[in-house]
Amino acid sequence: EARPTLVRHGASLGANSTVVCGVTIGRYAFVGAGAVITRDVPDHALVYGNPARQHGWVCECGEKLTAGLDCPACGLRYMRHGSGLARNA
C-alpha cells in the first residue's frame, strides 16, 4: 500500500537513510546517516540507528540542544510541545 511520506520544513536526512512510506519527519528534525525510520519523528528530534531511536534534540541552526533545551550556538530556547519542541517565547 502506498501512503504519503512527509518531510517537513528544515528537516535534515543523513546519507543512505531509509524512510518507510507513511512516516512524517518533523520540522527541523535531524536524521543520522544510515538510519532506518520506521515511525514518525517529532519536531527538532535527533534520531539515528537501525531502527532509528531518539538520542536528543536539535536547534533550528542544527546544533544539539543542552539538557535544559537551550542552544549553545545561537542562544534559542525551546519548550516541549506535543511530542516535539517549540521555541520558547
PDB file of N, CA and C in Angstrom:
ATOM      1  N   GLU A   1       0.839  -1.172   0.000  1.00  0.00           N
ATOM      2  CA  GLU A   1       0.000   0.000   0.000  1.00  0.00           C
ATOM      3  C   GLU A   1       0.894   1.250   0.000  1.00  0.00           C
ATOM      4  N   ALA A   2       0.659   2.132  -0.928  1.00  0.00           N
ATOM      5  CA  ALA A   2       1.418   3.385  -0.999  1.00  0.00           C
ATOM      6  C   ALA A   2       0.725   4.440  -0.142  1.00  0.00           C
ATOM      7  N   ARG A   3       1.471   4.981   0.817  1.00  0.00           N
ATOM      8  CA  ARG A   3       0.947   6.037   1.680  1.00  0.00           C
ATOM      9  C   ARG A   3       1.874   7.237   1.581  1.00  0.00           C
ATOM     10  N   PRO A   4       1.343   8.446   1.754  1.00  0.00           N
ATOM     11  CA  PRO A   4       2.191   9.634   1.622  1.00  0.00           C
ATOM     12  C   PRO A   4       3.236   9.732   2.741  1.00  0.00           C
ATOM     13  N   THR A   5       4.439  10.117   2.360  1.00  0.00           N
ATOM     14  CA  THR A   5       5.528  10.359   3.296  1.00  0.00           C
ATOM     15  C   THR A   5       5.788  11.856   3.304  1.00  0.00           C
ATOM     16  N   LEU A   6       5.892  12.459   4.479  1.00  0.00           N
ATOM     17  CA  LEU A   6       6.028  13.907   4.588  1.00  0.00           C
ATOM     18  C   LEU A   6       7.319  14.264   5.307  1.00  0.00           C
ATOM     19  N   VAL A   7       8.132  15.110   4.670  1.00  0.00           N
ATOM     20  CA  VAL A   7       9.335  15.645   5.290  1.00  0.00           C
ATOM     21  C   VAL A   7       9.094  17.141   5.474  1.00  0.00           C
ATOM     22  N   ARG A   8       8.943  17.567   6.700  1.00  0.00           N
ATOM     23  CA  ARG A   8       8.579  18.956   6.993  1.00  0.00           C
ATOM     24  C   ARG A   8       9.770  19.912   6.850  1.00  0.00           C
ATOM     25  N   HIS A   9       9.451  21.202   6.824  1.00  0.00           N
ATOM     26  CA  HIS A   9      10.414  22.283   6.621  1.00  0.00           C
ATOM     27  C   HIS A   9      11.601  22.182   7.576  1.00  0.00           C
ATOM     28  N   GLY A  10      12.801  22.286   7.033  1.00  0.00           N
ATOM     29  CA  GLY A  10      14.013  22.338   7.832  1.00  0.00           C
ATOM     30  C   GLY A  10      14.569  20.996   8.266  1.00  0.00           C
ATOM     31  N   ALA A  11      13.869  19.891   7.962  1.00  0.00           N
ATOM     32  CA  ALA A  11      14.364  18.570   8.360  1.00  0.00           C
ATOM     33  C   ALA A  11      15.605  18.217   7.552  1.00  0.00           C
ATOM     34  N   SER A  12      16.495  17.451   8.161  1.00  0.00           N
ATOM     35  CA  SER A  12      17.730  17.031   7.514  1.00  0.00           C
ATOM     36  C   SER A  12      17.817  15.510   7.541  1.00  0.00           C
ATOM     37  N   LEU A  13      17.994  14.908   6.350  1.00  0.00           N
ATOM     38  CA  LEU A  13      18.104  13.454   6.244  1.00  0.00           C
ATOM     39  C   LEU A  13      19.535  13.094   5.894  1.00  0.00           C
ATOM     40  N   GLY A  14      20.173  12.290   6.737  1.00  0.00           N
ATOM     41  CA  GLY A  14      21.545  11.882   6.511  1.00  0.00           C
ATOM     42  C   GLY A  14      21.670  10.937   5.323  1.00  0.00           C
ATOM     43  N   ALA A  15      22.901  10.810   4.823  1.00  0.00           N
ATOM     44  CA  ALA A  15      23.189   9.954   3.680  1.00  0.00           C
ATOM     45  C   ALA A  15      22.752   8.515   3.956  1.00  0.00           C
ATOM     46  N   ASN A  16      22.162   7.900   2.951  1.00  0.00           N
ATOM     47  CA  ASN A  16      21.747   6.499   2.989  1.00  0.00           C
ATOM     48  C   ASN A  16      20.707   6.204   4.066  1.00  0.00           C
ATOM     49  N   SER A  17      19.980   7.229   4.543  1.00  0.00           N
ATOM     50  CA  SER A  17      18.892   6.955   5.484  1.00  0.00           C
ATOM     51  C   SER A  17      17.714   6.387   4.692  1.00  0.00           C
ATOM     52  N   THR A  18      16.934   5.539   5.353  1.00  0.00           N
ATOM     53  CA  THR A  18      15.783   4.893   4.726  1.00  0.00           C
ATOM     54  C   THR A  18      14.540   5.295   5.492  1.00  0.00           C
ATOM     55  N   VAL A  19      13.520   5.760   4.774  1.00  0.00           N
ATOM     56  CA  VAL A  19      12.275   6.199   5.399  1.00  0.00           C
ATOM     57  C   VAL A  19      11.141   5.331   4.870  1.00  0.00           C
ATOM     58  N   VAL A  20      10.437   4.626   5.764  1.00  0.00           N
ATOM     59  CA  VAL A  20       9.311   3.785   5.390  1.00  0.00           C
ATOM     60  C   VAL A  20       8.151   4.688   4.969  1.00  0.00           C
ATOM     61  N   CYS A  21       7.400   4.272   3.957  1.00  0.00           N
ATOM     62  CA  CYS A  21       6.298   5.107   3.475  1.00  0.00           C
ATOM     63  C   CYS A  21       5.256   5.316   4.576  1.00  0.00           C
ATOM     64  N   GLY A  22       4.621   6.480   4.542  1.00  0.00           N
ATOM     65  CA  GLY A  22       3.593   6.831   5.501  1.00  0.00           C
ATOM     66  C   GLY A  22       4.109   7.515   6.752  1.00  0.00           C
ATOM     67  N   VAL A  23       5.410   7.744   6.824  1.00  0.00           N
ATOM     68  CA  VAL A  23       6.031   8.363   8.001  1.00  0.00           C
ATOM     69  C   VAL A  23       6.145   9.871   7.788  1.00  0.00           C
ATOM     70  N   THR A  24       6.066  10.633   8.884  1.00  0.00           N
ATOM     71  CA  THR A  24       6.274  12.083   8.846  1.00  0.00           C
ATOM     72  C   THR A  24       7.549  12.415   9.612  1.00  0.00           C
ATOM     73  N   ILE A  25       8.436  13.181   8.963  1.00  0.00           N
ATOM     74  CA  ILE A  25       9.651  13.687   9.603  1.00  0.00           C
ATOM     75  C   ILE A  25       9.336  15.123  10.011  1.00  0.00           C
ATOM     76  N   GLY A  26       9.413  15.430  11.299  1.00  0.00           N
ATOM     77  CA  GLY A  26       9.013  16.738  11.823  1.00  0.00           C
ATOM     78  C   GLY A  26       9.931  17.885  11.423  1.00  0.00           C
ATOM     79  N   ARG A  27       9.462  19.103  11.677  1.00  0.00           N
ATOM     80  CA  ARG A  27      10.227  20.320  11.384  1.00  0.00           C
ATOM     81  C   ARG A  27      11.557  20.310  12.116  1.00  0.00           C
ATOM     82  N   TYR A  28      12.613  20.638  11.399  1.00  0.00           N
ATOM     83  CA  TYR A  28      13.974  20.751  11.932  1.00  0.00           C
ATOM     84  C   TYR A  28      14.481  19.464  12.604  1.00  0.00           C
ATOM     85  N   ALA A  29      13.856  18.327  12.299  1.00  0.00           N
ATOM     86  CA  ALA A  29      14.352  17.050  12.818  1.00  0.00           C
ATOM     87  C   ALA A  29      15.657  16.712  12.100  1.00  0.00           C
ATOM     88  N   PHE A  30      16.506  15.951  12.756  1.00  0.00           N
ATOM     89  CA  PHE A  30      17.801  15.570  12.202  1.00  0.00           C
ATOM     90  C   PHE A  30      17.898  14.049  12.219  1.00  0.00           C
ATOM     91  N   VAL A  31      17.985  13.448  11.018  1.00  0.00           N
ATOM     92  CA  VAL A  31      18.075  12.004  10.881  1.00  0.00           C
ATOM     93  C   VAL A  31      19.516  11.659  10.532  1.00  0.00           C
ATOM     94  N   GLY A  32      20.143  10.822  11.337  1.00  0.00           N
ATOM     95  CA  GLY A  32      21.536  10.451  11.127  1.00  0.00           C
ATOM     96  C   GLY A  32      21.738   9.578   9.896  1.00  0.00           C
ATOM     97  N   ALA A  33      22.960   9.562   9.396  1.00  0.00           N
ATOM     98  CA  ALA A  33      23.314   8.768   8.222  1.00  0.00           C
ATOM     99  C   ALA A  33      23.052   7.290   8.485  1.00  0.00           C
ATOM    100  N   GLY A  34      22.438   6.617   7.527  1.00  0.00           N
ATOM    101  CA  GLY A  34      22.172   5.198   7.609  1.00  0.00           C
ATOM    102  C   GLY A  34      21.004   4.806   8.493  1.00  0.00           C
ATOM    103  N   ALA A  35      20.299   5.779   9.060  1.00  0.00           N
ATOM    104  CA  ALA A  35      19.170   5.480   9.943  1.00  0.00           C
ATOM    105  C   ALA A  35      18.023   4.857   9.157  1.00  0.00           C
ATOM    106  N   VAL A  36      17.265   4.006   9.823  1.00  0.00           N
ATOM    107  CA  VAL A  36      16.073   3.404   9.231  1.00  0.00           C
ATOM    108  C   VAL A  36      14.874   3.927  10.020  1.00  0.00           C
ATOM    109  N   ILE A  37      14.094   4.794   9.374  1.00  0.00           N
ATOM    110  CA  ILE A  37      12.960   5.457  10.018  1.00  0.00           C
ATOM    111  C   ILE A  37      11.707   4.614   9.810  1.00  0.00           C
ATOM    112  N   THR A  38      11.175   4.056  10.913  1.00  0.00           N
ATOM    113  CA  THR A  38      10.000   3.191  10.829  1.00  0.00           C
ATOM    114  C   THR A  38       8.751   3.818  11.448  1.00  0.00           C
ATOM    115  N   ARG A  39       8.928   4.981  12.099  1.00  0.00           N
ATOM    116  CA  ARG A  39       7.777   5.677  12.691  1.00  0.00           C
ATOM    117  C   ARG A  39       8.019   7.187  12.657  1.00  0.00           C
ATOM    118  N   ASP A  40       6.977   7.958  12.952  1.00  0.00           N
ATOM    119  CA  ASP A  40       7.066   9.411  12.877  1.00  0.00           C
ATOM    120  C   ASP A  40       8.192   9.948  13.758  1.00  0.00           C
ATOM    121  N   VAL A  41       8.836  11.022  13.281  1.00  0.00           N
ATOM    122  CA  VAL A  41       9.916  11.686  14.009  1.00  0.00           C
ATOM    123  C   VAL A  41       9.391  13.055  14.456  1.00  0.00           C
ATOM    124  N   PRO A  42       9.416  13.361  15.759  1.00  0.00           N
ATOM    125  CA  PRO A  42       8.892  14.644  16.248  1.00  0.00           C
ATOM    126  C   PRO A  42       9.723  15.848  15.779  1.00  0.00           C
ATOM    127  N   ASP A  43       9.136  17.030  15.845  1.00  0.00           N
ATOM    128  CA  ASP A  43       9.845  18.271  15.538  1.00  0.00           C
ATOM    129  C   ASP A  43      11.094  18.383  16.407  1.00  0.00           C
ATOM    130  N   HIS A  44      12.228  18.760  15.798  1.00  0.00           N
ATOM    131  CA  HIS A  44      13.506  19.012  16.470  1.00  0.00           C
ATOM    132  C   HIS A  44      14.177  17.770  17.062  1.00  0.00           C
ATOM    133  N   ALA A  45      13.696  16.575  16.743  1.00  0.00           N
ATOM    134  CA  ALA A  45      14.292  15.353  17.301  1.00  0.00           C
ATOM    135  C   ALA A  45      15.571  14.975  16.557  1.00  0.00           C
ATOM    136  N   LEU A  46      16.530  14.446  17.294  1.00  0.00           N
ATOM    137  CA  LEU A  46      17.754  13.875  16.736  1.00  0.00           C
ATOM    138  C   LEU A  46      17.607  12.366  16.814  1.00  0.00           C
ATOM    139  N   VAL A  47      17.557  11.698  15.651  1.00  0.00           N
ATOM    140  CA  VAL A  47      17.378  10.249  15.620  1.00  0.00           C
ATOM    141  C   VAL A  47      18.456   9.601  14.769  1.00  0.00           C
ATOM    142  N   TYR A  48      18.872   8.403  15.176  1.00  0.00           N
ATOM    143  CA  TYR A  48      19.787   7.603  14.373  1.00  0.00           C
ATOM    144  C   TYR A  48      19.708   6.157  14.831  1.00  0.00           C
ATOM    145  N   GLY A  49      20.257   5.256  14.008  1.00  0.00           N
ATOM    146  CA  GLY A  49      20.281   3.837  14.324  1.00  0.00           C
ATOM    147  C   GLY A  49      19.358   3.037  13.428  1.00  0.00           C
ATOM    148  N   ASN A  50      19.357   1.718  13.651  1.00  0.00           N
ATOM    149  CA  ASN A  50      18.528   0.804  12.879  1.00  0.00           C
ATOM    150  C   ASN A  50      17.875  -0.193  13.834  1.00  0.00           C
ATOM    151  N   PRO A  51      16.578   0.005  14.135  1.00  0.00           N
ATOM    152  CA  PRO A  51      15.718   1.102  13.707  1.00  0.00           C
ATOM    153  C   PRO A  51      16.084   2.390  14.445  1.00  0.00           C
ATOM    154  N   ALA A  52      15.720   3.522  13.876  1.00  0.00           N
ATOM    155  CA  ALA A  52      16.085   4.820  14.451  1.00  0.00           C
ATOM    156  C   ALA A  52      15.398   5.031  15.795  1.00  0.00           C
ATOM    157  N   ARG A  53      16.192   5.548  16.730  1.00  0.00           N
ATOM    158  CA  ARG A  53      15.697   5.918  18.054  1.00  0.00           C
ATOM    159  C   ARG A  53      16.146   7.342  18.339  1.00  0.00           C
ATOM    160  N   GLN A  54      15.390   8.028  19.189  1.00  0.00           N
ATOM    161  CA  GLN A  54      15.735   9.408  19.517  1.00  0.00           C
ATOM    162  C   GLN A  54      16.874   9.450  20.519  1.00  0.00           C
ATOM    163  N   HIS A  55      17.860  10.345  20.233  1.00  0.00           N
ATOM    164  CA  HIS A  55      19.033  10.499  21.096  1.00  0.00           C
ATOM    165  C   HIS A  55      19.248  11.940  21.520  1.00  0.00           C
ATOM    166  N   GLY A  56      18.241  12.774  21.401  1.00  0.00           N
ATOM    167  CA  GLY A  56      18.357  14.167  21.807  1.00  0.00           C
ATOM    168  C   GLY A  56      17.489  15.068  20.965  1.00  0.00           C
ATOM    169  N   TRP A  57      17.793  16.358  21.056  1.00  0.00           N
ATOM    170  CA  TRP A  57      17.044  17.395  20.356  1.00  0.00           C
ATOM    171  C   TRP A  57      18.016  18.309  19.619  1.00  0.00           C
ATOM    172  N   VAL A  58      17.568  18.927  18.526  1.00  0.00           N
ATOM    173  CA  VAL A  58      18.411  19.858  17.773  1.00  0.00           C
ATOM    174  C   VAL A  58      17.696  21.189  17.562  1.00  0.00           C
ATOM    175  N   CYS A  59      18.504  22.230  17.463  1.00  0.00           N
ATOM    176  CA  CYS A  59      18.027  23.590  17.228  1.00  0.00           C
ATOM    177  C   CYS A  59      17.756  23.805  15.744  1.00  0.00           C
ATOM    178  N   GLU A  60      17.085  24.884  15.418  1.00  0.00           N
ATOM    179  CA  GLU A  60      16.879  25.273  14.019  1.00  0.00           C
ATOM    180  C   GLU A  60      18.203  25.489  13.306  1.00  0.00           C
ATOM    181  N   CYS A  61      19.241  25.885  14.046  1.00  0.00           N
ATOM    182  CA  CYS A  61      20.552  26.127  13.434  1.00  0.00           C
ATOM    183  C   CYS A  61      21.343  24.834  13.231  1.00  0.00           C
ATOM    184  N   GLY A  62      20.825  23.690  13.724  1.00  0.00           N
ATOM    185  CA  GLY A  62      21.468  22.407  13.512  1.00  0.00           C
ATOM    186  C   GLY A  62      22.313  21.899  14.660  1.00  0.00           C
ATOM    187  N   GLU A  63      22.459  22.672  15.724  1.00  0.00           N
ATOM    188  CA  GLU A  63      23.260  22.262  16.883  1.00  0.00           C
ATOM    189  C   GLU A  63      22.425  21.427  17.851  1.00  0.00           C
ATOM    190  N   LYS A  64      23.073  20.499  18.525  1.00  0.00           N
ATOM    191  CA  LYS A  64      22.403  19.692  19.542  1.00  0.00           C
ATOM    192  C   LYS A  64      22.093  20.568  20.750  1.00  0.00           C
ATOM    193  N   LEU A  65      20.885  20.428  21.289  1.00  0.00           N
ATOM    194  CA  LEU A  65      20.465  21.232  22.437  1.00  0.00           C
ATOM    195  C   LEU A  65      20.998  20.643  23.736  1.00  0.00           C
ATOM    196  N   THR A  66      21.143  21.499  24.733  1.00  0.00           N
ATOM    197  CA  THR A  66      21.555  21.067  26.066  1.00  0.00           C
ATOM    198  C   THR A  66      20.384  20.375  26.756  1.00  0.00           C
ATOM    199  N   ALA A  67      20.638  19.817  27.922  1.00  0.00           N
ATOM    200  CA  ALA A  67      19.586  19.154  28.696  1.00  0.00           C
ATOM    201  C   ALA A  67      18.473  20.130  29.069  1.00  0.00           C
ATOM    202  N   GLY A  68      18.806  21.421  29.187  1.00  0.00           N
ATOM    203  CA  GLY A  68      17.812  22.447  29.510  1.00  0.00           C
ATOM    204  C   GLY A  68      17.078  22.974  28.293  1.00  0.00           C
ATOM    205  N   LEU A  69      17.293  22.355  27.122  1.00  0.00           N
ATOM    206  CA  LEU A  69      16.674  22.726  25.844  1.00  0.00           C
ATOM    207  C   LEU A  69      17.085  24.116  25.376  1.00  0.00           C
ATOM    208  N   ASP A  70      18.353  24.473  25.629  1.00  0.00           N
ATOM    209  CA  ASP A  70      18.938  25.723  25.151  1.00  0.00           C
ATOM    210  C   ASP A  70      19.953  25.390  24.071  1.00  0.00           C
ATOM    211  N   CYS A  71      20.117  26.291  23.096  1.00  0.00           N
ATOM    212  CA  CYS A  71      21.115  26.095  22.047  1.00  0.00           C
ATOM    213  C   CYS A  71      22.410  26.797  22.450  1.00  0.00           C
ATOM    214  N   PRO A  72      23.519  26.046  22.527  1.00  0.00           N
ATOM    215  CA  PRO A  72      24.789  26.668  22.895  1.00  0.00           C
ATOM    216  C   PRO A  72      25.366  27.552  21.795  1.00  0.00           C
ATOM    217  N   ALA A  73      24.910  27.390  20.555  1.00  0.00           N
ATOM    218  CA  ALA A  73      25.459  28.153  19.423  1.00  0.00           C
ATOM    219  C   ALA A  73      24.739  29.476  19.201  1.00  0.00           C
ATOM    220  N   CYS A  74      23.418  29.453  19.133  1.00  0.00           N
ATOM    221  CA  CYS A  74      22.686  30.675  18.779  1.00  0.00           C
ATOM    222  C   CYS A  74      21.856  31.251  19.925  1.00  0.00           C
ATOM    223  N   GLY A  75      21.735  30.506  21.042  1.00  0.00           N
ATOM    224  CA  GLY A  75      21.038  31.030  22.211  1.00  0.00           C
ATOM    225  C   GLY A  75      19.534  30.835  22.242  1.00  0.00           C
ATOM    226  N   LEU A  76      18.948  30.216  21.202  1.00  0.00           N
ATOM    227  CA  LEU A  76      17.499  29.984  21.227  1.00  0.00           C
ATOM    228  C   LEU A  76      17.150  29.012  22.347  1.00  0.00           C
ATOM    229  N   ARG A  77      15.949  29.186  22.900  1.00  0.00           N
ATOM    230  CA  ARG A  77      15.453  28.315  23.955  1.00  0.00           C
ATOM    231  C   ARG A  77      14.179  27.642  23.457  1.00  0.00           C
ATOM    232  N   TYR A  78      13.979  26.415  23.889  1.00  0.00           N
ATOM    233  CA  TYR A  78      12.832  25.626  23.459  1.00  0.00           C
ATOM    234  C   TYR A  78      12.072  25.083  24.652  1.00  0.00           C
ATOM    235  N   MET A  79      10.812  24.676  24.393  1.00  0.00           N
ATOM    236  CA  MET A  79       9.990  24.018  25.409  1.00  0.00           C
ATOM    237  C   MET A  79       9.269  22.857  24.736  1.00  0.00           C
ATOM    238  N   ARG A  80       8.884  21.901  25.532  1.00  0.00           N
ATOM    239  CA  ARG A  80       8.145  20.753  24.998  1.00  0.00           C
ATOM    240  C   ARG A  80       6.802  21.230  24.444  1.00  0.00           C
ATOM    241  N   HIS A  81       6.434  20.663  23.290  1.00  0.00           N
ATOM    242  CA  HIS A  81       5.160  20.995  22.658  1.00  0.00           C
ATOM    243  C   HIS A  81       4.674  19.735  21.963  1.00  0.00           C
ATOM    244  N   GLY A  82       3.653  19.088  22.525  1.00  0.00           N
ATOM    245  CA  GLY A  82       3.190  17.815  21.986  1.00  0.00           C
ATOM    246  C   GLY A  82       4.300  16.781  22.130  1.00  0.00           C
ATOM    247  N   SER A  83       4.602  16.062  21.044  1.00  0.00           N
ATOM    248  CA  SER A  83       5.672  15.072  21.087  1.00  0.00           C
ATOM    249  C   SER A  83       7.023  15.684  20.739  1.00  0.00           C
ATOM    250  N   GLY A  84       7.032  16.958  20.280  1.00  0.00           N
ATOM    251  CA  GLY A  84       8.270  17.602  19.866  1.00  0.00           C
ATOM    252  C   GLY A  84       8.594  18.820  20.707  1.00  0.00           C
ATOM    253  N   LEU A  85       9.259  19.792  20.072  1.00  0.00           N
ATOM    254  CA  LEU A  85       9.640  21.041  20.735  1.00  0.00           C
ATOM    255  C   LEU A  85       9.121  22.228  19.955  1.00  0.00           C
ATOM    256  N   ALA A  86       9.013  23.359  20.641  1.00  0.00           N
ATOM    257  CA  ALA A  86       8.660  24.636  20.013  1.00  0.00           C
ATOM    258  C   ALA A  86       9.529  25.715  20.660  1.00  0.00           C
ATOM    259  N   ARG A  87       9.764  26.800  19.941  1.00  0.00           N
ATOM    260  CA  ARG A  87      10.539  27.915  20.500  1.00  0.00           C
ATOM    261  C   ARG A  87       9.856  28.466  21.731  1.00  0.00           C
ATOM    262  N   ASN A  88      10.669  28.772  22.730  1.00  0.00           N
ATOM    263  CA  ASN A  88      10.152  29.387  23.944  1.00  0.00           C
ATOM    264  C   ASN A  88       9.994  30.871  23.706  1.00  0.00           C
ATOM    265  N   ALA A  89       8.835  31.419  23.982  1.00  0.00           N
ATOM    266  CA  ALA A  89       8.563  32.836  23.720  1.00  0.00           C
ATOM    267  C   ALA A  89       9.191  33.755  24.701  1.00  0.00           C
TER     268      ALA A  89
END
